[in-house]
Amino acid sequence: MDIGIIGYGRFGVLLHEMISRFTPKAQVRVFSRGAVPDSKVFFTLAEVAQCDAVVLAVPIHVFEDRIKEILPLLGKGSIVVDVATVKTHTVEILKRHLGTRPFVATHPMFGPESYEKKDKDVNGFRIVITEHTLMPEQHDSFVAFLTQCGFDVVEMSAESHDKHLAETLFLTHFIGQVVSRGGFNRTQIDTVSFGYLMDAVESVRHDIGLFQDVYRFNPYCEEMLKKFEIAEAEVHELLQRKK
């Protein structure tokens, strides 16, 4: 099959590598606004939109614009694959614009840093599937393929995904940004737990745009921040108590 990738940022590059690794017979076409079509790796948007599967690896804040852009260009049976970090926002867009066209909304729960740190071993990496309009056999085939590659497939609603994400990935990003901006670094006497903390910080410290987009488009992040602030105040109070 032909697989198209729209967007060639850090995750788009990783996606390209993994598709080539796990489906070496598939032809991959990439569209990037920063690259000139060469009919080898990079193609026009119209050519990429005609692929059997079209993956949108674009920032969340431009997701709807890209859907509108590819809609008149999509092939008759092209399946749109959403890999965005938030799901209620993108699923609503997909339903509103695609109608009966096939799509699958997913969130790969890993990125370039975790992929490299695990020496490209994907076993145990989770891929969440929220909503889709695939035929039953397409869905089963897709899940079976991901499982065969070593991924753990988790299926849940878009709302449940975003609630969990606010208290996991977004919280990690939030703490990572605080630690990074505070100038905290590894030392010669790090404890194991501090090493784990810094591993988490280093995996997210460069994803500032994603951090901002998740906060903007995940409706549960504000609630998480309020919860964090209350807990932080309680910890400060604890430190002031006398034994």
Protein backbone atom coordinates (compact mmCIF):
# COMPACT_ATOMS: atom_id res chain seq x y z
CA MET A 1 0.00 0.00 0.00
CA ASP A 2 0.97 3.65 -0.34
CA ILE A 3 1.35 5.62 2.88
CA GLY A 4 1.43 9.40 2.86
CA ILE A 5 2.86 11.56 5.62
CA ILE A 6 1.84 15.20 5.83
CA GLY A 7 4.25 17.12 8.04
CA TYR A 8 7.92 16.31 8.50
CA GLY A 9 8.81 17.57 11.94
CA ARG A 10 10.50 15.39 14.54
CA PHE A 11 7.58 12.97 14.80
CA GLY A 12 7.03 12.90 11.04
CA VAL A 13 10.66 11.86 10.57
CA LEU A 14 10.28 9.16 13.23
CA LEU A 15 7.07 7.95 11.61
CA HIS A 16 8.81 7.68 8.25
CA GLU A 17 11.61 5.60 9.78
CA MET A 18 9.19 3.28 11.55
CA ILE A 19 6.97 2.77 8.50
CA SER A 20 10.03 1.90 6.41
CA ARG A 21 11.16 -0.47 9.15
CA PHE A 22 7.90 -2.33 9.71
CA THR A 23 6.38 -2.15 6.21
CA PRO A 24 9.41 -2.15 3.90
CA LYS A 25 7.29 -2.95 0.84
CA ALA A 26 5.07 0.09 1.27
CA GLN A 27 5.76 3.20 -0.77
CA VAL A 28 6.02 6.23 1.51
CA ARG A 29 5.27 9.69 0.18
CA VAL A 30 6.04 12.74 2.30
CA PHE A 31 4.69 16.25 1.96
CA SER A 32 6.58 19.00 3.74
CA ARG A 33 6.26 22.72 3.16
CA GLY A 34 9.97 22.99 3.78
CA ALA A 35 11.01 20.50 1.07
CA VAL A 36 10.93 20.59 -2.72
CA PRO A 37 9.12 17.60 -4.29
CA ASP A 38 11.65 15.19 -5.78
CA SER A 39 9.35 12.22 -6.54
CA LYS A 40 11.59 10.06 -4.33
CA VAL A 41 10.87 11.05 -0.74
CA PHE A 42 8.98 14.31 -1.08
CA PHE A 43 5.87 14.74 -3.18
CA THR A 44 3.18 17.32 -3.80
CA LEU A 45 0.26 17.55 -1.39
CA ALA A 46 -2.07 16.22 -4.08
CA GLU A 47 0.13 13.16 -4.63
CA VAL A 48 0.37 12.43 -0.90
CA ALA A 49 -3.37 12.87 -0.38
CA GLN A 50 -4.04 10.13 -2.95
CA CYS A 51 -2.26 7.48 -0.85
CA ASP A 52 -4.14 4.55 0.68
CA ALA A 53 -3.39 5.92 4.16
CA VAL A 54 -2.73 9.61 4.80
CA VAL A 55 -1.13 10.40 8.16
CA LEU A 56 -1.39 13.94 9.49
CA ALA A 57 1.79 14.53 11.52
CA VAL A 58 1.17 18.25 11.93
CA PRO A 59 0.94 20.59 14.95
CA ILE A 60 -2.44 20.49 16.67
CA HIS A 61 -3.14 24.17 16.01
CA VAL A 62 -3.03 23.66 12.22
CA PHE A 63 -4.83 20.30 12.18
CA GLU A 64 -8.16 21.66 10.96
CA ASP A 65 -6.50 23.79 8.28
CA ARG A 66 -4.71 20.73 6.91
CA ILE A 67 -7.91 18.67 6.90
CA LYS A 68 -9.65 21.37 4.89
CA GLU A 69 -6.68 21.53 2.54
CA ILE A 70 -6.52 17.80 1.76
CA LEU A 71 -10.27 17.15 1.69
CA PRO A 72 -10.77 17.85 -2.04
CA LEU A 73 -7.53 16.00 -2.85
CA LEU A 74 -8.12 12.71 -1.03
CA GLY A 75 -8.32 9.48 -2.99
CA LYS A 76 -11.66 7.69 -3.08
CA GLY A 77 -10.66 5.13 -0.44
CA SER A 78 -7.91 7.06 1.34
CA ILE A 79 -7.91 6.51 5.11
CA VAL A 80 -7.01 9.59 7.15
CA VAL A 81 -4.86 8.74 10.17
CA ASP A 82 -4.77 11.18 13.06
CA VAL A 83 -1.72 10.90 15.36
CA ALA A 84 -2.26 14.10 17.36
CA THR A 85 -1.60 14.23 21.10
CA VAL A 86 -5.13 15.41 21.92
CA LYS A 87 -8.20 13.55 20.76
CA THR A 88 -11.52 15.28 21.54
CA HIS A 89 -10.43 18.28 19.46
CA THR A 90 -9.20 16.34 16.43
CA VAL A 91 -11.99 13.76 16.46
CA GLU A 92 -14.60 16.52 16.38
CA ILE A 93 -12.80 18.05 13.37
CA LEU A 94 -12.58 14.71 11.59
CA LYS A 95 -16.28 14.00 12.08
CA ARG A 96 -17.31 17.46 11.00
CA HIS A 97 -15.25 17.59 7.81
CA LEU A 98 -14.82 13.99 6.63
CA GLY A 99 -18.38 12.77 6.99
CA THR A 100 -18.44 9.16 5.79
CA ARG A 101 -14.82 9.12 4.63
CA PRO A 102 -12.71 6.57 6.55
CA PHE A 103 -10.49 7.78 9.38
CA VAL A 104 -8.81 6.44 12.48
CA ALA A 105 -7.87 8.67 15.43
CA THR A 106 -4.78 7.45 17.28
CA HIS A 107 -2.15 8.68 19.70
CA PRO A 108 1.24 6.95 19.69
CA MET A 109 2.36 7.31 23.33
CA PHE A 110 6.03 7.77 22.52
CA GLY A 111 8.34 10.12 20.68
CA PRO A 112 11.83 10.31 19.17
CA GLU A 113 13.61 10.53 22.54
CA SER A 114 11.92 7.49 24.08
CA TYR A 115 12.43 5.55 20.82
CA GLU A 116 16.15 6.25 20.86
CA LYS A 117 16.54 5.65 24.60
CA LYS A 118 15.03 2.18 24.18
CA ASP A 119 17.45 1.47 21.32
CA LYS A 120 14.49 1.46 18.92
CA ASP A 121 12.79 -1.41 20.74
CA VAL A 122 9.05 -0.70 20.47
CA ASN A 123 7.89 -3.57 22.64
CA GLY A 124 5.63 -2.16 25.31
CA PHE A 125 5.10 1.17 23.55
CA ARG A 126 1.41 2.03 23.62
CA ILE A 127 -0.72 3.26 20.75
CA VAL A 128 -4.16 4.53 21.73
CA ILE A 129 -7.06 4.26 19.30
CA THR A 130 -10.05 6.39 20.15
CA GLU A 131 -12.63 6.67 17.37
CA HIS A 132 -12.64 5.42 13.79
CA THR A 133 -14.90 4.81 10.80
CA LEU A 134 -13.02 1.78 9.50
CA MET A 135 -14.73 -1.36 8.35
CA PRO A 136 -14.50 -4.11 11.02
CA GLU A 137 -11.98 -6.08 8.99
CA GLN A 138 -9.84 -2.96 8.44
CA HIS A 139 -9.87 -2.19 12.14
CA ASP A 140 -8.98 -5.76 13.12
CA SER A 141 -6.22 -5.88 10.54
CA PHE A 142 -4.76 -2.57 11.73
CA VAL A 143 -4.75 -3.66 15.38
CA ALA A 144 -3.25 -7.04 14.50
CA PHE A 145 -0.46 -5.36 12.53
CA LEU A 146 0.42 -2.97 15.36
CA THR A 147 0.40 -5.82 17.87
CA GLN A 148 2.62 -7.93 15.62
CA CYS A 149 5.13 -5.06 15.50
CA GLY A 150 5.31 -5.12 19.31
CA PHE A 151 3.03 -2.22 20.23
CA ASP A 152 0.39 -2.43 22.96
CA VAL A 153 -2.92 -1.19 21.51
CA VAL A 154 -5.30 0.52 23.94
CA GLU A 155 -8.80 1.49 22.85
CA MET A 156 -10.78 4.15 24.73
CA SER A 157 -12.97 7.16 24.12
CA ALA A 158 -11.46 10.49 23.12
CA GLU A 159 -12.71 12.04 26.37
CA SER A 160 -11.11 9.34 28.54
CA HIS A 161 -7.87 9.72 26.61
CA ASP A 162 -7.72 13.48 27.15
CA LYS A 163 -8.53 13.16 30.85
CA HIS A 164 -5.74 10.63 31.35
CA LEU A 165 -3.35 12.66 29.21
CA ALA A 166 -3.82 15.81 31.27
CA GLU A 167 -2.65 13.99 34.40
CA THR A 168 0.17 12.05 32.75
CA LEU A 169 1.87 13.46 29.67
CA PHE A 170 0.85 17.09 30.24
CA LEU A 171 1.88 16.88 33.91
CA THR A 172 5.24 15.44 32.82
CA HIS A 173 5.67 18.28 30.33
CA PHE A 174 4.71 20.84 32.96
CA ILE A 175 7.19 19.54 35.53
CA GLY A 176 9.80 19.12 32.80
CA GLN A 177 9.50 22.75 31.78
CA VAL A 178 9.73 23.90 35.42
CA VAL A 179 12.83 21.78 36.10
CA SER A 180 14.44 22.82 32.82
CA ARG A 181 13.81 26.54 33.31
CA GLY A 182 14.99 26.28 36.92
CA GLY A 183 18.42 25.22 35.71
CA PHE A 184 18.41 21.90 37.55
CA ASN A 185 20.92 19.43 36.09
CA ARG A 186 22.40 16.02 36.69
CA THR A 187 25.27 15.74 39.20
CA GLN A 188 27.94 13.23 40.16
CA ILE A 189 25.86 12.00 43.12
CA ASP A 190 22.44 11.60 41.52
CA THR A 191 20.04 9.21 43.19
CA VAL A 192 18.27 6.68 41.01
CA SER A 193 14.98 8.53 41.46
CA PHE A 194 16.54 11.84 40.38
CA GLY A 195 17.91 10.07 37.31
CA TYR A 196 14.39 8.94 36.43
CA LEU A 197 13.15 12.51 36.88
CA MET A 198 15.83 13.87 34.56
CA ASP A 199 15.08 11.17 32.00
CA ALA A 200 11.50 12.44 31.93
CA VAL A 201 12.61 16.08 31.76
CA GLU A 202 14.97 15.41 28.86
CA SER A 203 12.30 13.55 26.93
CA VAL A 204 9.95 16.57 26.87
CA ARG A 205 12.01 19.72 27.44
CA HIS A 206 12.30 20.51 23.70
CA ASP A 207 8.61 20.02 22.87
CA ILE A 208 7.54 23.55 23.81
CA GLY A 209 5.13 23.94 20.89
CA LEU A 210 3.46 20.62 21.69
CA PHE A 211 3.26 21.57 25.38
CA GLN A 212 1.47 24.81 24.51
CA ASP A 213 -0.87 23.12 22.01
CA VAL A 214 -1.87 20.38 24.45
CA TYR A 215 -2.74 23.00 27.06
CA ARG A 216 -4.74 24.98 24.51
CA PHE A 217 -6.70 22.09 22.98
CA ASN A 218 -7.09 19.60 25.84
CA PRO A 219 -10.04 20.83 27.95
CA TYR A 220 -8.82 18.96 31.04
CA CYS A 221 -5.38 20.56 31.41
CA GLU A 222 -6.64 23.65 33.24
CA GLU A 223 -8.29 21.44 35.85
CA MET A 224 -5.02 19.53 36.28
CA LEU A 225 -3.09 22.76 36.86
CA LYS A 226 -5.53 23.85 39.56
CA LYS A 227 -5.15 20.45 41.22
CA PHE A 228 -1.36 20.79 41.02
CA GLU A 229 -1.42 24.28 42.56
CA ILE A 230 -3.53 23.07 45.48
CA ALA A 231 -1.17 20.16 46.07
CA GLU A 232 1.89 22.42 45.85
CA ALA A 233 0.42 24.77 48.46
CA GLU A 234 -0.22 21.81 50.75
CA VAL A 235 3.40 20.68 50.40
CA HIS A 236 4.67 24.18 51.22
CA GLU A 237 2.44 24.17 54.29
CA LEU A 238 3.79 20.76 55.28
CA LEU A 239 7.34 22.09 55.17
CA GLN A 240 6.42 24.93 57.52
CA ARG A 241 4.97 22.66 60.19
CA LYS A 242 7.03 21.96 63.27
CA LYS A 243 7.66 18.38 64.23
